Protein backbone atom coordinates (compact mmCIF):
# COMPACT_ATOMS: atom_id res chain seq x y z
CA MET A 1 9.81 -21.58 -26.49
CA LYS A 2 6.38 -20.72 -25.58
CA SER A 3 3.83 -23.09 -23.91
CA LYS A 4 0.07 -22.83 -23.58
CA ARG A 5 -1.71 -22.95 -20.30
CA ALA A 6 -5.05 -22.04 -19.13
CA ILE A 7 -5.25 -19.79 -16.21
CA ASN A 8 -8.23 -17.96 -14.67
CA ILE A 9 -8.13 -14.13 -14.42
CA SER A 10 -10.73 -11.91 -13.00
CA GLU A 11 -12.84 -10.17 -15.53
CA ASP A 12 -12.11 -6.63 -14.08
CA ILE A 13 -8.22 -7.33 -14.45
CA LEU A 14 -8.71 -8.32 -17.96
CA ILE A 15 -10.66 -5.23 -18.87
CA SER A 16 -7.87 -3.13 -17.07
CA ILE A 17 -5.22 -4.67 -19.19
CA ASP A 18 -7.10 -4.26 -22.26
CA GLN A 19 -7.63 -0.44 -21.46
CA ILE A 20 -3.85 -0.23 -20.67
CA ILE A 21 -2.42 -1.93 -23.96
CA GLY A 22 -5.47 -1.13 -26.02
CA GLU A 23 -5.20 -4.39 -27.93
CA PRO A 24 -6.72 -7.43 -26.61
CA ASN A 25 -4.43 -9.70 -28.57
CA SER A 26 -1.36 -8.47 -26.84
CA SER A 27 -2.50 -9.27 -23.33
CA SER A 28 -0.57 -12.46 -23.09
CA GLU A 29 2.58 -10.48 -23.98
CA PHE A 30 1.85 -7.83 -21.48
CA ILE A 31 1.05 -10.35 -18.72
CA GLU A 32 4.33 -12.29 -19.41
CA ASN A 33 6.21 -9.08 -19.30
CA ILE A 34 4.77 -8.35 -15.90
CA LEU A 35 5.30 -11.69 -14.44
CA ARG A 36 8.94 -11.58 -15.74
CA LYS A 37 9.58 -8.40 -14.07
CA TYR A 38 7.85 -9.63 -10.75
CA LEU A 39 10.09 -12.70 -10.88
CA LEU A 40 13.35 -10.82 -11.33
CA GLU A 41 12.39 -8.44 -8.54
CA ARG A 42 11.57 -11.36 -6.21
CA GLN A 43 14.89 -13.07 -7.25
CA ALA A 44 16.83 -9.79 -6.45
CA LYS A 45 15.11 -9.43 -2.97
CA LYS A 46 16.02 -13.08 -2.24
CA GLN A 47 19.63 -12.31 -3.26
CA GLN A 48 19.67 -9.20 -1.08
CA LEU A 49 18.30 -11.07 1.91
CA LYS A 50 21.03 -13.63 1.45
CA ASP A 51 23.62 -11.05 1.22
CA LEU A 52 22.48 -9.25 4.47
CA GLU A 53 22.44 -12.63 6.16
CA ILE A 54 26.15 -12.97 5.16
CA ILE A 55 27.02 -9.47 6.34
CA ASN A 56 25.23 -9.89 9.70
CA SER A 57 26.97 -13.24 10.34
CA ASN A 58 30.31 -11.50 9.72
CA SER A 59 29.62 -8.12 11.34
CA GLU A 60 31.85 -8.53 14.29
CA TYR A 61 34.79 -9.30 11.96
CA LEU A 62 33.83 -6.32 9.57
CA ASN A 63 33.35 -3.93 12.29
CA LYS A 64 36.86 -4.84 13.62
CA GLU A 65 38.43 -4.28 10.29
CA ALA A 66 36.75 -0.77 9.80
CA LYS A 67 37.80 0.18 13.24
CA ASP A 68 41.47 -0.88 12.30
CA VAL A 69 41.41 1.02 9.09
CA LEU A 70 40.05 4.11 11.06
CA ASP A 71 42.85 3.99 13.52
CA TYR A 72 45.25 4.34 10.55
CA GLN A 73 43.89 7.76 9.66
CA ILE A 74 45.74 11.00 10.54
CA ALA A 75 43.61 13.68 12.09
CA LEU A 76 43.75 16.98 10.13
């Protein structure tokens, strides 16, 4: 479902968008796609930071596990 909302965008940005897409009538779709991409990237970054926090909070245990696994390796 689409909703209408009035937003203010600088004229120079609108001109640049029109030059890129070539059709003024599809600027809404272009802006929507750019915003969707930005929001997905932002969500991914947020998840990566959360994952890193979990890894860091368990680093001592994970390092012990890695050392234990390496101790089982046979020297060639």
